[in-house]
Amino acid sequence: MLLIHTAVHLGHLRLIGQTGASRALVALAVLANGATVSLGLYHLSRTEPALIGWIAGFFALALLVEIVLHFVTAREVRPRTPPQGQSPKG
């Protein structure tokens, strides 16, 4: 969940001009989430190292499923375009 939260904040940094949020606070959120994930992995490596393997396995499985679905459904990942009549900055 923290990795998804971090990804959302990274996406927010890309759109910071449209949201008007504080770049420093969003960057701080990215760093805080990264530090929390790092500390969690460190703790797991000391207490339950096998769990890190399970987590990595589930990530790999999710990535594999996503890649297979990408090719089976012929989906394309494209940048968003603003609705007609709106500029990219909103």
N, C-alpha and C. Protein backbone atom coordinates (compact mmCIF):
# COMPACT_ATOMS: atom_id res chain seq x y z
N MET A 1 0.82 -1.19 0.00
CA MET A 1 0.00 0.00 0.00
C MET A 1 0.87 1.26 0.00
N LEU A 2 1.97 1.22 0.75
CA LEU A 2 2.86 2.38 0.77
C LEU A 2 3.51 2.63 -0.59
N LEU A 3 3.79 1.56 -1.32
CA LEU A 3 4.37 1.74 -2.66
C LEU A 3 3.36 2.39 -3.60
N ILE A 4 2.11 1.99 -3.50
CA ILE A 4 1.07 2.62 -4.32
C ILE A 4 0.90 4.08 -3.92
N HIS A 5 0.92 4.35 -2.64
CA HIS A 5 0.82 5.72 -2.14
C HIS A 5 1.98 6.55 -2.68
N THR A 6 3.17 5.99 -2.68
CA THR A 6 4.35 6.69 -3.22
C THR A 6 4.17 6.97 -4.70
N ALA A 7 3.66 5.98 -5.44
CA ALA A 7 3.44 6.18 -6.88
C ALA A 7 2.42 7.30 -7.13
N VAL A 8 1.39 7.36 -6.30
CA VAL A 8 0.40 8.44 -6.45
C VAL A 8 1.06 9.80 -6.22
N HIS A 9 1.91 9.89 -5.21
CA HIS A 9 2.61 11.15 -4.95
C HIS A 9 3.56 11.52 -6.09
N LEU A 10 4.22 10.53 -6.65
CA LEU A 10 5.10 10.80 -7.79
C LEU A 10 4.30 11.32 -8.98
N GLY A 11 3.13 10.73 -9.20
CA GLY A 11 2.25 11.23 -10.25
C GLY A 11 1.78 12.64 -9.96
N HIS A 12 1.53 12.91 -8.68
CA HIS A 12 1.11 14.26 -8.28
C HIS A 12 2.22 15.27 -8.59
N LEU A 13 3.47 14.87 -8.37
CA LEU A 13 4.58 15.77 -8.70
C LEU A 13 4.58 16.14 -10.18
N ARG A 14 4.19 15.19 -11.03
CA ARG A 14 4.14 15.47 -12.46
C ARG A 14 3.04 16.47 -12.80
N LEU A 15 1.99 16.50 -12.00
CA LEU A 15 0.84 17.38 -12.27
C LEU A 15 0.77 18.56 -11.31
N ILE A 16 1.85 18.84 -10.64
CA ILE A 16 1.84 19.85 -9.57
C ILE A 16 1.37 21.22 -10.06
N GLY A 17 1.67 21.56 -11.30
CA GLY A 17 1.22 22.84 -11.84
C GLY A 17 -0.29 22.94 -11.97
N GLN A 18 -0.94 21.81 -12.17
CA GLN A 18 -2.40 21.80 -12.32
C GLN A 18 -3.12 21.75 -10.98
N THR A 19 -2.46 21.21 -9.96
CA THR A 19 -3.14 21.06 -8.67
C THR A 19 -2.89 22.22 -7.73
N GLY A 20 -1.79 22.93 -7.92
CA GLY A 20 -1.47 24.04 -7.04
C GLY A 20 -0.96 23.62 -5.68
N ALA A 21 -0.62 22.36 -5.52
CA ALA A 21 -0.12 21.87 -4.23
C ALA A 21 1.31 22.33 -4.00
N SER A 22 1.75 22.19 -2.79
CA SER A 22 3.11 22.56 -2.44
C SER A 22 4.06 21.45 -2.90
N ARG A 23 4.98 21.80 -3.78
CA ARG A 23 5.95 20.83 -4.28
C ARG A 23 6.76 20.25 -3.13
N ALA A 24 7.12 21.07 -2.16
CA ALA A 24 7.93 20.60 -1.04
C ALA A 24 7.18 19.57 -0.21
N LEU A 25 5.89 19.79 0.04
CA LEU A 25 5.12 18.84 0.85
C LEU A 25 4.90 17.52 0.11
N VAL A 26 4.64 17.60 -1.19
CA VAL A 26 4.45 16.36 -1.95
C VAL A 26 5.77 15.59 -2.01
N ALA A 27 6.88 16.29 -2.22
CA ALA A 27 8.19 15.63 -2.23
C ALA A 27 8.49 15.02 -0.85
N LEU A 28 8.13 15.73 0.19
CA LEU A 28 8.33 15.20 1.54
C LEU A 28 7.51 13.92 1.75
N ALA A 29 6.30 13.90 1.21
CA ALA A 29 5.46 12.69 1.32
C ALA A 29 6.12 11.52 0.59
N VAL A 30 6.71 11.78 -0.58
CA VAL A 30 7.41 10.73 -1.33
C VAL A 30 8.57 10.20 -0.49
N LEU A 31 9.35 11.11 0.07
CA LEU A 31 10.50 10.69 0.89
C LEU A 31 10.06 9.94 2.15
N ALA A 32 9.01 10.41 2.79
CA ALA A 32 8.52 9.74 4.00
C ALA A 32 8.03 8.33 3.69
N ASN A 33 7.29 8.19 2.59
CA ASN A 33 6.83 6.86 2.20
C ASN A 33 8.00 5.95 1.86
N GLY A 34 8.98 6.48 1.14
CA GLY A 34 10.16 5.69 0.80
C GLY A 34 10.92 5.25 2.04
N ALA A 35 11.05 6.15 3.00
CA ALA A 35 11.75 5.81 4.24
C ALA A 35 10.98 4.75 5.02
N THR A 36 9.66 4.86 5.03
CA THR A 36 8.84 3.88 5.74
C THR A 36 8.95 2.50 5.11
N VAL A 37 8.92 2.45 3.78
CA VAL A 37 9.09 1.16 3.09
C VAL A 37 10.47 0.59 3.39
N SER A 38 11.49 1.42 3.35
CA SER A 38 12.85 0.96 3.64
C SER A 38 12.98 0.41 5.06
N LEU A 39 12.43 1.13 6.02
CA LEU A 39 12.47 0.65 7.40
C LEU A 39 11.69 -0.65 7.57
N GLY A 40 10.56 -0.76 6.90
CA GLY A 40 9.78 -1.98 6.96
C GLY A 40 10.53 -3.16 6.39
N LEU A 41 11.20 -2.95 5.24
CA LEU A 41 12.00 -4.02 4.64
C LEU A 41 13.18 -4.39 5.54
N TYR A 42 13.78 -3.40 6.15
CA TYR A 42 14.89 -3.68 7.07
C TYR A 42 14.40 -4.54 8.24
N HIS A 43 13.27 -4.15 8.81
CA HIS A 43 12.71 -4.89 9.94
C HIS A 43 12.38 -6.33 9.52
N LEU A 44 11.75 -6.48 8.36
CA LEU A 44 11.41 -7.82 7.89
C LEU A 44 12.66 -8.65 7.63
N SER A 45 13.71 -8.03 7.13
CA SER A 45 14.94 -8.78 6.86
C SER A 45 15.54 -9.33 8.15
N ARG A 46 15.27 -8.67 9.25
CA ARG A 46 15.78 -9.13 10.55
C ARG A 46 14.86 -10.13 11.23
N THR A 47 13.54 -10.00 11.00
CA THR A 47 12.59 -10.83 11.74
C THR A 47 11.96 -11.95 10.91
N GLU A 48 11.59 -11.66 9.68
CA GLU A 48 10.93 -12.63 8.80
C GLU A 48 11.47 -12.52 7.38
N PRO A 49 12.73 -12.91 7.15
CA PRO A 49 13.31 -12.73 5.81
C PRO A 49 12.56 -13.47 4.71
N ALA A 50 11.94 -14.59 5.02
CA ALA A 50 11.19 -15.32 3.98
C ALA A 50 10.01 -14.51 3.47
N LEU A 51 9.46 -13.65 4.31
CA LEU A 51 8.32 -12.84 3.91
C LEU A 51 8.69 -11.88 2.78
N ILE A 52 9.92 -11.41 2.76
CA ILE A 52 10.37 -10.53 1.67
C ILE A 52 10.30 -11.29 0.35
N GLY A 53 10.67 -12.56 0.36
CA GLY A 53 10.56 -13.37 -0.84
C GLY A 53 9.13 -13.54 -1.30
N TRP A 54 8.21 -13.75 -0.36
CA TRP A 54 6.80 -13.86 -0.71
C TRP A 54 6.28 -12.56 -1.33
N ILE A 55 6.65 -11.44 -0.71
CA ILE A 55 6.21 -10.14 -1.23
C ILE A 55 6.75 -9.92 -2.64
N ALA A 56 8.04 -10.20 -2.83
CA ALA A 56 8.64 -10.06 -4.16
C ALA A 56 7.96 -10.98 -5.17
N GLY A 57 7.61 -12.19 -4.73
CA GLY A 57 6.92 -13.12 -5.61
C GLY A 57 5.56 -12.61 -6.04
N PHE A 58 4.81 -12.03 -5.10
CA PHE A 58 3.51 -11.48 -5.45
C PHE A 58 3.64 -10.28 -6.39
N PHE A 59 4.66 -9.45 -6.19
CA PHE A 59 4.90 -8.34 -7.12
C PHE A 59 5.22 -8.88 -8.51
N ALA A 60 6.06 -9.90 -8.57
CA ALA A 60 6.43 -10.49 -9.86
C ALA A 60 5.20 -11.10 -10.54
N LEU A 61 4.36 -11.78 -9.77
CA LEU A 61 3.14 -12.35 -10.32
C LEU A 61 2.21 -11.26 -10.86
N ALA A 62 2.05 -10.20 -10.11
CA ALA A 62 1.20 -9.08 -10.56
C ALA A 62 1.75 -8.47 -11.84
N LEU A 63 3.05 -8.31 -11.92
CA LEU A 63 3.67 -7.76 -13.13
C LEU A 63 3.45 -8.70 -14.31
N LEU A 64 3.63 -9.99 -14.10
CA LEU A 64 3.42 -10.97 -15.16
C LEU A 64 1.98 -10.95 -15.66
N VAL A 65 1.03 -10.91 -14.74
CA VAL A 65 -0.39 -10.85 -15.13
C VAL A 65 -0.66 -9.59 -15.93
N GLU A 66 -0.11 -8.47 -15.50
CA GLU A 66 -0.30 -7.20 -16.22
C GLU A 66 0.27 -7.28 -17.62
N ILE A 67 1.45 -7.85 -17.77
CA ILE A 67 2.08 -7.97 -19.10
C ILE A 67 1.25 -8.89 -19.99
N VAL A 68 0.81 -10.02 -19.46
CA VAL A 68 -0.02 -10.94 -20.26
C VAL A 68 -1.32 -10.25 -20.67
N LEU A 69 -1.98 -9.58 -19.75
CA LEU A 69 -3.23 -8.89 -20.09
C LEU A 69 -2.99 -7.79 -21.12
N HIS A 70 -1.86 -7.14 -21.03
CA HIS A 70 -1.52 -6.09 -22.00
C HIS A 70 -1.49 -6.67 -23.42
N PHE A 71 -0.87 -7.83 -23.58
CA PHE A 71 -0.76 -8.42 -24.90
C PHE A 71 -2.05 -9.12 -25.32
N VAL A 72 -2.75 -9.75 -24.41
CA VAL A 72 -3.99 -10.46 -24.76
C VAL A 72 -5.09 -9.49 -25.18
N THR A 73 -5.19 -8.37 -24.47
CA THR A 73 -6.26 -7.41 -24.78
C THR A 73 -5.83 -6.33 -25.76
N ALA A 74 -4.55 -6.32 -26.13
CA ALA A 74 -3.99 -5.31 -27.06
C ALA A 74 -4.23 -3.88 -26.56
N ARG A 75 -4.13 -3.70 -25.25
CA ARG A 75 -4.31 -2.36 -24.68
C ARG A 75 -3.10 -1.50 -24.98
N GLU A 76 -3.35 -0.21 -25.05
CA GLU A 76 -2.27 0.76 -25.20
C GLU A 76 -2.29 1.69 -23.99
N VAL A 77 -1.11 2.07 -23.54
CA VAL A 77 -1.01 3.06 -22.48
C VAL A 77 -0.64 4.37 -23.16
N ARG A 78 -1.56 5.32 -23.10
CA ARG A 78 -1.37 6.61 -23.75
C ARG A 78 -1.50 7.73 -22.73
N PRO A 79 -0.83 8.84 -22.99
CA PRO A 79 -1.01 9.98 -22.09
C PRO A 79 -2.44 10.51 -22.20
N ARG A 80 -2.90 11.07 -21.11
CA ARG A 80 -4.24 11.65 -21.12
C ARG A 80 -4.26 12.91 -21.98
N THR A 81 -5.38 13.12 -22.61
CA THR A 81 -5.57 14.37 -23.36
C THR A 81 -6.72 15.11 -22.70
N PRO A 82 -6.60 16.44 -22.62
CA PRO A 82 -7.69 17.20 -21.98
C PRO A 82 -8.95 17.15 -22.83
N PRO A 83 -10.12 17.25 -22.18
CA PRO A 83 -11.38 17.30 -22.95
C PRO A 83 -11.37 18.48 -23.90
N GLN A 84 -12.17 18.38 -24.96
CA GLN A 84 -12.23 19.45 -25.95
C GLN A 84 -12.57 20.77 -25.31
N GLY A 85 -11.86 21.80 -25.73
CA GLY A 85 -12.12 23.14 -25.22
C GLY A 85 -11.36 23.50 -23.96
N GLN A 86 -10.59 22.57 -23.42
CA GLN A 86 -9.81 22.86 -22.21
C GLN A 86 -8.33 22.80 -22.54
N SER A 87 -7.58 23.67 -21.92
CA SER A 87 -6.13 23.64 -22.10
C SER A 87 -5.54 22.58 -21.17
N PRO A 88 -4.32 22.10 -21.44
CA PRO A 88 -3.70 21.09 -20.58
C PRO A 88 -3.54 21.54 -19.13
N LYS A 89 -3.44 22.84 -18.87
CA LYS A 89 -3.26 23.33 -17.50
C LYS A 89 -4.58 23.48 -16.77
N GLY A 90 -5.71 23.17 -17.42
CA GLY A 90 -7.01 23.19 -16.76
C GLY A 90 -7.58 24.54 -16.73
